[in-house]
Structures are given as C-alpha cells and as structure tokens.
C-alpha cells in the first residue's frame, strides 16, 4: 500500500529538482523532475482535486526541456497536458485565462517548428479567448496582445490575408 502523501511528495521533489536544474543547467535534474512528476500524475487520477496542479507542473517541466532539447515530443505532450488542464478549469475559473495563454503559446511554438497552419489558427483563437478574460489594466494583457499580434503577423506571412495584418497593427 502506498502512503497517501506520496503523490504530493513526488510533486514537491520534482519541483526541487526543476529548481536545481534552473540553477545548474544540468539536464539530468530536469529529466528526473519530469519522471517524478509523471509518477505523481498517476497518483492524481481524473477527479483528484490536485490533478490540475500536477498537470501544470509537468507541462512546465516539459516546456523547459523542449527549450533545451528541441524535442517535439515534449512540446506535443505539453500541448496535450494543457488541453486536459483546460477541461478541469471551465469558464469562470480564475486560472482559465492563464491556461488558454499557455496552450496558445505551445501551439504557436509548434507552428514555428512544423508550419502546421491548424496550430497557428488555434493559437490565434485561444489568444483571443484569453484576451476576453483579461480586462484592460490586467498585468498580462500586454503579453497577450503581443502574442496575438505576432500570430496574426505569422498568418499574414503564410496566407497573405490583409485582415490579419490590419488586426495585428491595431
């Protein structure tokens, strides 16, 4: 029988290893962090109140590792985890805008790697959705507007739709 706090302990150890990676740059720490948080996720099944936190921690680790290695598998898993996290945070949830932004950024990055227009189109729409949850004056609004503008600019370069560049400039 497993200790009831094992999932939480694995999550915390994973975060410590990820912090050490950020200090030292040793990829082994990040790899071990991801391995441990994946084990923790297995102990937080659908319906568990802490599953969203563990999903977020795993997705952040995968995003960092993608940044180091460029392995698309990590980016693909990051996107899949953020899709699941969105399902756990319905409309009206305080973290929904943050999750929309994360998923949008991941899809935008994957577009830059693969050129898949579906990823870019979805990234733009998710960014628009996140902006609806981020009122004028919110500290994240500028970042969201910048990302939307960049996505629209990329789509204009790919498809040549003038309305994209017009919206990008606004």
N, C-alpha and C. Protein backbone atom coordinates (compact mmCIF):
# COMPACT_ATOMS: atom_id res chain seq x y z
N UNK A 1 0.84 -1.19 0.00
CA UNK A 1 0.00 0.00 0.00
C UNK A 1 0.88 1.25 0.00
N UNK A 2 0.53 2.21 -0.83
CA UNK A 2 1.30 3.45 -0.93
C UNK A 2 0.85 4.44 0.13
N UNK A 3 1.79 5.25 0.56
CA UNK A 3 1.48 6.30 1.52
C UNK A 3 0.60 7.34 0.84
N UNK A 4 -0.42 7.84 1.52
CA UNK A 4 -1.35 8.80 0.89
C UNK A 4 -0.69 10.11 0.47
N UNK A 5 0.44 10.45 1.06
CA UNK A 5 1.12 11.70 0.71
C UNK A 5 2.19 11.50 -0.37
N UNK A 6 2.30 10.29 -0.92
CA UNK A 6 3.36 10.01 -1.90
C UNK A 6 3.25 10.93 -3.12
N UNK A 7 2.07 11.11 -3.66
CA UNK A 7 1.90 11.96 -4.83
C UNK A 7 2.36 13.39 -4.57
N UNK A 8 1.99 13.91 -3.42
CA UNK A 8 2.40 15.26 -3.05
C UNK A 8 3.91 15.35 -2.86
N UNK A 9 4.48 14.32 -2.23
CA UNK A 9 5.93 14.30 -2.00
C UNK A 9 6.69 14.23 -3.33
N UNK A 10 6.20 13.41 -4.26
CA UNK A 10 6.84 13.33 -5.58
C UNK A 10 6.75 14.66 -6.31
N UNK A 11 5.60 15.31 -6.22
CA UNK A 11 5.43 16.62 -6.84
C UNK A 11 6.44 17.62 -6.27
N UNK A 12 6.57 17.65 -4.95
CA UNK A 12 7.50 18.59 -4.32
C UNK A 12 8.95 18.28 -4.67
N UNK A 13 9.32 17.00 -4.67
CA UNK A 13 10.68 16.62 -5.04
C UNK A 13 10.96 17.01 -6.49
N UNK A 14 9.98 16.80 -7.34
CA UNK A 14 10.11 17.18 -8.74
C UNK A 14 10.39 18.68 -8.88
N UNK A 15 9.65 19.48 -8.12
CA UNK A 15 9.86 20.94 -8.19
C UNK A 15 11.25 21.32 -7.70
N UNK A 16 11.74 20.64 -6.67
CA UNK A 16 13.09 20.90 -6.18
C UNK A 16 14.14 20.59 -7.24
N UNK A 17 13.97 19.48 -7.92
CA UNK A 17 14.91 19.12 -8.98
C UNK A 17 14.84 20.11 -10.14
N UNK A 18 13.64 20.56 -10.45
CA UNK A 18 13.50 21.55 -11.52
C UNK A 18 14.16 22.87 -11.12
N UNK A 19 14.03 23.26 -9.86
CA UNK A 19 14.71 24.47 -9.38
C UNK A 19 16.23 24.30 -9.48
N UNK A 20 16.71 23.10 -9.12
CA UNK A 20 18.16 22.87 -9.20
C UNK A 20 18.61 22.93 -10.66
N UNK A 21 17.82 22.39 -11.57
CA UNK A 21 18.15 22.49 -12.99
C UNK A 21 18.28 23.95 -13.40
N UNK A 22 17.35 24.79 -12.93
CA UNK A 22 17.40 26.20 -13.29
C UNK A 22 18.66 26.88 -12.77
N UNK A 23 19.17 26.39 -11.66
CA UNK A 23 20.40 26.96 -11.09
C UNK A 23 21.65 26.42 -11.76
N UNK A 24 21.66 25.13 -12.08
CA UNK A 24 22.88 24.48 -12.56
C UNK A 24 22.90 24.23 -14.06
N UNK A 25 21.71 24.12 -14.66
CA UNK A 25 21.64 23.79 -16.07
C UNK A 25 21.86 22.32 -16.39
N UNK A 26 21.91 21.48 -15.35
CA UNK A 26 22.11 20.04 -15.56
C UNK A 26 20.80 19.40 -16.02
N UNK A 27 20.78 18.96 -17.25
CA UNK A 27 19.57 18.40 -17.85
C UNK A 27 19.10 17.15 -17.12
N UNK A 28 20.03 16.42 -16.48
CA UNK A 28 19.64 15.22 -15.73
C UNK A 28 18.63 15.57 -14.64
N UNK A 29 18.81 16.72 -14.00
CA UNK A 29 17.87 17.13 -12.96
C UNK A 29 16.47 17.36 -13.54
N UNK A 30 16.42 17.99 -14.69
CA UNK A 30 15.13 18.24 -15.33
C UNK A 30 14.49 16.92 -15.78
N UNK A 31 15.30 16.02 -16.33
CA UNK A 31 14.77 14.72 -16.74
C UNK A 31 14.20 13.96 -15.55
N UNK A 32 14.92 13.95 -14.44
CA UNK A 32 14.43 13.26 -13.24
C UNK A 32 13.18 13.94 -12.69
N UNK A 33 13.16 15.26 -12.74
CA UNK A 33 11.99 16.01 -12.29
C UNK A 33 10.76 15.59 -13.09
N UNK A 34 10.90 15.49 -14.39
CA UNK A 34 9.78 15.10 -15.25
C UNK A 34 9.35 13.67 -14.96
N UNK A 35 10.31 12.79 -14.77
CA UNK A 35 9.99 11.39 -14.45
C UNK A 35 9.19 11.31 -13.15
N UNK A 36 9.61 12.06 -12.13
CA UNK A 36 8.92 12.03 -10.84
C UNK A 36 7.51 12.63 -10.92
N UNK A 37 7.38 13.71 -11.66
CA UNK A 37 6.06 14.34 -11.74
C UNK A 37 5.10 13.49 -12.56
N UNK A 38 5.63 12.72 -13.53
CA UNK A 38 4.77 11.78 -14.25
C UNK A 38 4.27 10.69 -13.31
N UNK A 39 5.13 10.24 -12.41
CA UNK A 39 4.70 9.26 -11.41
C UNK A 39 3.65 9.87 -10.49
N UNK A 40 3.86 11.13 -10.11
CA UNK A 40 2.88 11.81 -9.25
C UNK A 40 1.54 11.94 -9.97
N UNK A 41 1.57 12.20 -11.27
CA UNK A 41 0.33 12.35 -12.02
C UNK A 41 -0.50 11.06 -11.99
N UNK A 42 0.18 9.93 -12.03
CA UNK A 42 -0.52 8.64 -11.95
C UNK A 42 -1.25 8.48 -10.61
N UNK A 43 -0.75 9.15 -9.58
CA UNK A 43 -1.37 9.09 -8.26
C UNK A 43 -2.44 10.16 -8.07
N UNK A 44 -2.65 10.97 -9.09
CA UNK A 44 -3.68 12.01 -9.08
C UNK A 44 -4.60 11.80 -10.28
N UNK A 45 -5.47 10.79 -10.24
CA UNK A 45 -6.33 10.48 -11.39
C UNK A 45 -7.36 11.57 -11.62
N UNK A 46 -8.06 11.44 -12.75
CA UNK A 46 -9.15 12.38 -13.04
C UNK A 46 -10.07 12.47 -11.84
N UNK A 47 -10.46 13.67 -11.50
CA UNK A 47 -11.33 13.89 -10.35
C UNK A 47 -10.58 14.23 -9.08
N UNK A 48 -9.27 13.96 -9.04
CA UNK A 48 -8.48 14.31 -7.85
C UNK A 48 -8.33 15.83 -7.80
N UNK A 49 -8.53 16.43 -6.62
CA UNK A 49 -8.50 17.90 -6.55
C UNK A 49 -7.15 18.52 -6.90
N UNK A 50 -6.06 17.78 -6.78
CA UNK A 50 -4.74 18.34 -7.08
C UNK A 50 -4.25 18.00 -8.49
N UNK A 51 -5.07 17.33 -9.28
CA UNK A 51 -4.61 16.93 -10.62
C UNK A 51 -4.21 18.13 -11.47
N UNK A 52 -4.96 19.20 -11.41
CA UNK A 52 -4.64 20.38 -12.21
C UNK A 52 -3.27 20.95 -11.89
N UNK A 53 -2.92 20.99 -10.61
CA UNK A 53 -1.61 21.50 -10.19
C UNK A 53 -0.50 20.61 -10.73
N UNK A 54 -0.69 19.29 -10.62
CA UNK A 54 0.32 18.35 -11.10
C UNK A 54 0.45 18.44 -12.62
N UNK A 55 -0.67 18.55 -13.33
CA UNK A 55 -0.63 18.73 -14.78
C UNK A 55 0.17 19.97 -15.15
N UNK A 56 -0.08 21.06 -14.45
CA UNK A 56 0.64 22.31 -14.71
C UNK A 56 2.14 22.15 -14.47
N UNK A 57 2.49 21.50 -13.36
CA UNK A 57 3.91 21.32 -13.05
C UNK A 57 4.60 20.45 -14.10
N UNK A 58 3.93 19.41 -14.55
CA UNK A 58 4.51 18.55 -15.59
C UNK A 58 4.64 19.32 -16.90
N UNK A 59 3.61 20.07 -17.25
CA UNK A 59 3.68 20.80 -18.52
C UNK A 59 4.80 21.84 -18.50
N UNK A 60 5.00 22.50 -17.36
CA UNK A 60 6.10 23.48 -17.26
C UNK A 60 7.46 22.80 -17.41
N UNK A 61 7.61 21.62 -16.82
CA UNK A 61 8.87 20.89 -16.96
C UNK A 61 9.12 20.49 -18.41
N UNK A 62 8.09 20.01 -19.08
CA UNK A 62 8.22 19.62 -20.49
C UNK A 62 8.54 20.82 -21.37
N UNK A 63 7.94 21.95 -21.05
CA UNK A 63 8.22 23.17 -21.81
C UNK A 63 9.68 23.57 -21.65
N UNK A 64 10.18 23.49 -20.43
CA UNK A 64 11.60 23.82 -20.19
C UNK A 64 12.51 22.86 -20.95
N UNK A 65 12.17 21.56 -20.91
CA UNK A 65 13.03 20.58 -21.59
C UNK A 65 12.97 20.78 -23.10
N UNK A 66 11.80 21.10 -23.63
CA UNK A 66 11.72 21.40 -25.06
C UNK A 66 12.64 22.57 -25.40
N UNK A 67 12.64 23.58 -24.55
CA UNK A 67 13.51 24.73 -24.77
C UNK A 67 14.99 24.36 -24.79
N UNK A 68 15.35 23.32 -24.06
CA UNK A 68 16.74 22.87 -24.00
C UNK A 68 17.09 21.92 -25.14
N UNK A 69 16.17 21.02 -25.48
CA UNK A 69 16.50 19.94 -26.42
C UNK A 69 15.87 20.11 -27.79
N UNK A 70 14.74 20.82 -27.86
CA UNK A 70 14.03 20.96 -29.12
C UNK A 70 13.27 19.72 -29.55
N UNK A 71 13.09 18.76 -28.64
CA UNK A 71 12.36 17.53 -28.98
C UNK A 71 10.86 17.82 -29.06
N UNK A 72 10.30 17.62 -30.23
CA UNK A 72 8.89 17.91 -30.45
C UNK A 72 7.97 17.06 -29.58
N UNK A 73 8.43 15.88 -29.16
CA UNK A 73 7.60 15.03 -28.30
C UNK A 73 7.25 15.77 -27.01
N UNK A 74 8.22 16.51 -26.47
CA UNK A 74 7.95 17.28 -25.24
C UNK A 74 6.93 18.37 -25.50
N UNK A 75 7.04 19.05 -26.63
CA UNK A 75 6.09 20.10 -26.97
C UNK A 75 4.70 19.52 -27.20
N UNK A 76 4.64 18.38 -27.90
CA UNK A 76 3.34 17.73 -28.13
C UNK A 76 2.68 17.34 -26.81
N UNK A 77 3.47 16.80 -25.88
CA UNK A 77 2.91 16.41 -24.58
C UNK A 77 2.49 17.64 -23.78
N UNK A 78 3.28 18.71 -23.86
CA UNK A 78 2.93 19.98 -23.22
C UNK A 78 1.55 20.44 -23.69
N UNK A 79 1.32 20.38 -25.00
CA UNK A 79 0.04 20.81 -25.57
C UNK A 79 -1.08 19.91 -25.08
N UNK A 80 -0.86 18.61 -25.10
CA UNK A 80 -1.89 17.66 -24.66
C UNK A 80 -2.25 17.87 -23.19
N UNK A 81 -1.24 18.10 -22.35
CA UNK A 81 -1.49 18.32 -20.92
C UNK A 81 -2.27 19.61 -20.68
N UNK A 82 -1.95 20.64 -21.45
CA UNK A 82 -2.67 21.90 -21.30
C UNK A 82 -4.11 21.79 -21.79
N UNK A 83 -4.35 20.96 -22.78
CA UNK A 83 -5.74 20.70 -23.21
C UNK A 83 -6.52 20.04 -22.07
N UNK A 84 -5.88 19.06 -21.42
CA UNK A 84 -6.54 18.39 -20.30
C UNK A 84 -6.78 19.37 -19.16
N UNK A 85 -5.80 20.20 -18.87
CA UNK A 85 -5.94 21.17 -17.78
C UNK A 85 -7.11 22.13 -18.05
N UNK A 86 -7.29 22.51 -19.31
CA UNK A 86 -8.42 23.39 -19.66
C UNK A 86 -9.76 22.73 -19.34
N UNK A 87 -9.84 21.43 -19.54
CA UNK A 87 -11.08 20.71 -19.22
C UNK A 87 -11.39 20.75 -17.72
N UNK A 88 -10.34 20.87 -16.91
CA UNK A 88 -10.52 20.92 -15.45
C UNK A 88 -10.84 22.33 -14.96
N UNK A 89 -10.74 23.31 -15.85
CA UNK A 89 -10.95 24.71 -15.47
C UNK A 89 -12.00 25.33 -16.40
N UNK A 90 -13.27 25.14 -16.11
CA UNK A 90 -14.33 25.63 -17.00
C UNK A 90 -14.41 27.16 -17.02
N UNK A 91 -15.26 27.66 -17.90
CA UNK A 91 -15.49 29.10 -17.97
C UNK A 91 -15.78 29.64 -16.58
N UNK A 92 -15.19 30.77 -16.27
CA UNK A 92 -15.40 31.39 -14.97
C UNK A 92 -14.32 31.05 -13.96
N UNK A 93 -13.52 30.01 -14.23
CA UNK A 93 -12.45 29.65 -13.30
C UNK A 93 -11.33 30.68 -13.42
N UNK A 94 -10.77 31.07 -12.30
CA UNK A 94 -9.77 32.13 -12.25
C UNK A 94 -8.51 31.80 -13.07
N UNK A 95 -8.16 30.54 -13.23
CA UNK A 95 -6.94 30.16 -13.95
C UNK A 95 -7.16 29.90 -15.44
N UNK A 96 -8.36 30.02 -15.92
CA UNK A 96 -8.64 29.66 -17.31
C UNK A 96 -7.86 30.52 -18.31
N UNK A 97 -7.76 31.81 -18.08
CA UNK A 97 -7.02 32.68 -18.99
C UNK A 97 -5.56 32.29 -19.09
N UNK A 98 -4.96 31.96 -17.95
CA UNK A 98 -3.56 31.52 -17.90
C UNK A 98 -3.38 30.25 -18.73
N UNK A 99 -4.31 29.31 -18.58
CA UNK A 99 -4.23 28.05 -19.32
C UNK A 99 -4.45 28.25 -20.81
N UNK A 100 -5.37 29.12 -21.17
CA UNK A 100 -5.57 29.45 -22.59
C UNK A 100 -4.30 30.04 -23.18
N UNK A 101 -3.67 30.92 -22.42
CA UNK A 101 -2.42 31.54 -22.88
C UNK A 101 -1.33 30.48 -23.05
N UNK A 102 -1.18 29.56 -22.09
CA UNK A 102 -0.17 28.51 -22.19
C UNK A 102 -0.39 27.65 -23.43
N UNK A 103 -1.62 27.22 -23.63
CA UNK A 103 -1.92 26.37 -24.78
C UNK A 103 -1.69 27.13 -26.07
N UNK A 104 -2.10 28.38 -26.11
CA UNK A 104 -1.88 29.21 -27.29
C UNK A 104 -0.39 29.33 -27.60
N UNK A 105 0.42 29.57 -26.58
CA UNK A 105 1.86 29.70 -26.78
C UNK A 105 2.47 28.39 -27.29
N UNK A 106 2.04 27.27 -26.72
CA UNK A 106 2.55 25.98 -27.16
C UNK A 106 2.21 25.70 -28.62
N UNK A 107 0.98 25.99 -29.00
CA UNK A 107 0.57 25.78 -30.39
C UNK A 107 1.32 26.72 -31.33
N UNK A 108 1.54 27.96 -30.89
CA UNK A 108 2.31 28.90 -31.70
C UNK A 108 3.74 28.43 -31.89
N UNK A 109 4.33 27.89 -30.84
CA UNK A 109 5.69 27.36 -30.94
C UNK A 109 5.72 26.16 -31.88
N UNK A 110 4.73 25.29 -31.76
CA UNK A 110 4.71 24.11 -32.64
C UNK A 110 4.53 24.53 -34.10
N UNK A 111 3.72 25.57 -34.33
CA UNK A 111 3.59 26.08 -35.70
C UNK A 111 4.96 26.52 -36.23
N UNK A 112 5.72 27.22 -35.40
CA UNK A 112 7.04 27.69 -35.83
C UNK A 112 7.97 26.53 -36.16
N UNK A 113 7.77 25.40 -35.50
CA UNK A 113 8.61 24.22 -35.74
C UNK A 113 8.14 23.41 -36.94
N UNK A 114 6.83 23.32 -37.14
CA UNK A 114 6.29 22.39 -38.14
C UNK A 114 5.61 23.06 -39.33
N UNK A 115 5.20 24.31 -39.16
CA UNK A 115 4.49 25.01 -40.22
C UNK A 115 3.03 24.60 -40.37
N UNK A 116 2.48 23.88 -39.40
CA UNK A 116 1.09 23.44 -39.45
C UNK A 116 0.15 24.62 -39.19
N UNK A 117 -0.58 25.03 -40.22
CA UNK A 117 -1.46 26.19 -40.10
C UNK A 117 -2.57 25.97 -39.08
N UNK A 118 -3.04 24.74 -38.90
CA UNK A 118 -4.08 24.48 -37.90
C UNK A 118 -3.61 24.90 -36.51
N UNK A 119 -2.33 24.66 -36.21
CA UNK A 119 -1.79 25.07 -34.92
C UNK A 119 -1.81 26.58 -34.77
N UNK A 120 -1.42 27.28 -35.83
CA UNK A 120 -1.41 28.74 -35.79
C UNK A 120 -2.83 29.29 -35.64
N UNK A 121 -3.75 28.75 -36.41
CA UNK A 121 -5.14 29.22 -36.33
C UNK A 121 -5.71 29.02 -34.92
N UNK A 122 -5.46 27.85 -34.35
CA UNK A 122 -5.97 27.59 -33.00
C UNK A 122 -5.28 28.48 -31.97
N UNK A 123 -3.99 28.70 -32.15
CA UNK A 123 -3.25 29.57 -31.24
C UNK A 123 -3.84 30.98 -31.23
N UNK A 124 -4.15 31.49 -32.40
CA UNK A 124 -4.74 32.83 -32.50
C UNK A 124 -6.10 32.86 -31.80
N UNK A 125 -6.93 31.86 -32.05
CA UNK A 125 -8.26 31.84 -31.43
C UNK A 125 -8.16 31.73 -29.91
N UNK A 126 -7.26 30.89 -29.41
CA UNK A 126 -7.10 30.76 -27.96
C UNK A 126 -6.60 32.05 -27.34
N UNK A 127 -5.73 32.76 -28.06
CA UNK A 127 -5.25 34.05 -27.57
C UNK A 127 -6.39 35.04 -27.49
N UNK A 128 -7.25 35.03 -28.49
CA UNK A 128 -8.44 35.91 -28.45
C UNK A 128 -9.32 35.56 -27.25
N UNK A 129 -9.52 34.25 -27.03
CA UNK A 129 -10.33 33.81 -25.89
C UNK A 129 -9.72 34.26 -24.57
N UNK A 130 -8.39 34.17 -24.46
CA UNK A 130 -7.71 34.59 -23.24
C UNK A 130 -7.87 36.10 -23.03
N UNK A 131 -7.80 36.86 -24.12
CA UNK A 131 -7.96 38.32 -24.01
C UNK A 131 -9.33 38.70 -23.48
N UNK A 132 -10.35 37.93 -23.82
CA UNK A 132 -11.70 38.21 -23.32
C UNK A 132 -11.77 38.08 -21.80
N UNK A 133 -10.87 37.28 -21.23
CA UNK A 133 -10.84 37.07 -19.77
C UNK A 133 -9.86 38.01 -19.07
N UNK A 134 -9.22 38.87 -19.85
CA UNK A 134 -8.15 39.72 -19.31
C UNK A 134 -8.49 41.19 -19.57
N UNK A 135 -9.11 41.85 -18.61
CA UNK A 135 -9.58 43.22 -18.84
C UNK A 135 -8.43 44.22 -19.02
N UNK A 136 -8.76 45.36 -19.59
CA UNK A 136 -7.79 46.44 -19.72
C UNK A 136 -7.22 46.75 -18.34
N UNK A 137 -5.91 46.90 -18.26
CA UNK A 137 -5.25 47.16 -16.99
C UNK A 137 -4.68 45.92 -16.33
N UNK A 138 -5.09 44.73 -16.79
CA UNK A 138 -4.56 43.48 -16.24
C UNK A 138 -3.09 43.36 -16.62
N UNK A 139 -2.22 42.93 -15.71
CA UNK A 139 -0.78 42.87 -16.00
C UNK A 139 -0.40 41.93 -17.15
N UNK A 140 -1.23 40.95 -17.48
CA UNK A 140 -0.90 40.02 -18.56
C UNK A 140 -1.45 40.45 -19.92
N UNK A 141 -2.24 41.50 -19.94
CA UNK A 141 -2.90 41.89 -21.19
C UNK A 141 -1.90 42.27 -22.28
N UNK A 142 -0.86 42.99 -21.93
CA UNK A 142 0.14 43.39 -22.93
C UNK A 142 0.80 42.19 -23.58
N UNK A 143 1.13 41.20 -22.79
CA UNK A 143 1.75 39.98 -23.32
C UNK A 143 0.80 39.25 -24.26
N UNK A 144 -0.47 39.17 -23.87
CA UNK A 144 -1.47 38.52 -24.72
C UNK A 144 -1.64 39.26 -26.04
N UNK A 145 -1.70 40.59 -25.97
CA UNK A 145 -1.84 41.38 -27.19
C UNK A 145 -0.62 41.20 -28.10
N UNK A 146 0.57 41.16 -27.50
CA UNK A 146 1.79 40.96 -28.27
C UNK A 146 1.77 39.60 -28.97
N UNK A 147 1.37 38.56 -28.23
CA UNK A 147 1.32 37.22 -28.82
C UNK A 147 0.28 37.12 -29.93
N UNK A 148 -0.86 37.76 -29.73
CA UNK A 148 -1.89 37.76 -30.77
C UNK A 148 -1.38 38.47 -32.02
N UNK A 149 -0.74 39.61 -31.81
CA UNK A 149 -0.20 40.36 -32.94
C UNK A 149 0.85 39.53 -33.70
N UNK A 150 1.72 38.85 -32.98
CA UNK A 150 2.74 38.01 -33.62
C UNK A 150 2.09 36.87 -34.40
N UNK A 151 1.09 36.24 -33.81
CA UNK A 151 0.40 35.15 -34.51
C UNK A 151 -0.29 35.63 -35.78
N UNK A 152 -0.96 36.77 -35.68
CA UNK A 152 -1.62 37.33 -36.86
C UNK A 152 -0.60 37.70 -37.94
N UNK A 153 0.54 38.24 -37.50
CA UNK A 153 1.61 38.56 -38.45
C UNK A 153 2.14 37.31 -39.14
N UNK A 154 2.31 36.24 -38.38
CA UNK A 154 2.75 34.97 -38.98
C UNK A 154 1.73 34.44 -39.98
N UNK A 155 0.46 34.54 -39.62
CA UNK A 155 -0.57 34.04 -40.53
C UNK A 155 -0.64 34.89 -41.80
N UNK A 156 -0.44 36.19 -41.65
CA UNK A 156 -0.40 37.05 -42.84
C UNK A 156 0.75 36.63 -43.76
N UNK A 157 1.91 36.36 -43.18
CA UNK A 157 3.07 35.95 -43.98
C UNK A 157 2.80 34.62 -44.70
N UNK A 158 2.06 33.73 -44.07
CA UNK A 158 1.78 32.42 -44.66
C UNK A 158 0.64 32.47 -45.68
N UNK A 159 -0.43 33.17 -45.34
CA UNK A 159 -1.64 33.11 -46.16
C UNK A 159 -1.92 34.39 -46.94
N UNK A 160 -1.31 35.50 -46.51
CA UNK A 160 -1.49 36.76 -47.24
C UNK A 160 -2.81 37.46 -47.04
N UNK A 161 -3.54 37.11 -45.98
CA UNK A 161 -4.83 37.77 -45.71
C UNK A 161 -4.58 39.14 -45.09
N UNK A 162 -4.98 40.18 -45.79
CA UNK A 162 -4.74 41.55 -45.35
C UNK A 162 -5.40 41.83 -44.00
N UNK A 163 -6.56 41.22 -43.74
CA UNK A 163 -7.25 41.48 -42.47
C UNK A 163 -6.40 41.03 -41.27
N UNK A 164 -5.53 40.03 -41.47
CA UNK A 164 -4.66 39.60 -40.37
C UNK A 164 -3.63 40.67 -40.03
N UNK A 165 -3.02 41.25 -41.04
CA UNK A 165 -2.01 42.28 -40.76
C UNK A 165 -2.68 43.54 -40.23
N UNK A 166 -3.89 43.86 -40.72
CA UNK A 166 -4.61 45.01 -40.19
C UNK A 166 -4.92 44.83 -38.71
N UNK A 167 -5.42 43.65 -38.34
CA UNK A 167 -5.71 43.39 -36.93
C UNK A 167 -4.43 43.36 -36.10
N UNK A 168 -3.37 42.86 -36.67
CA UNK A 168 -2.09 42.79 -35.96
C UNK A 168 -1.58 44.18 -35.58
N UNK A 169 -1.82 45.14 -36.45
CA UNK A 169 -1.34 46.50 -36.21
C UNK A 169 -2.19 47.21 -35.16
N UNK A 170 -3.48 46.86 -35.08
CA UNK A 170 -4.36 47.52 -34.11
C UNK A 170 -3.87 47.20 -32.77
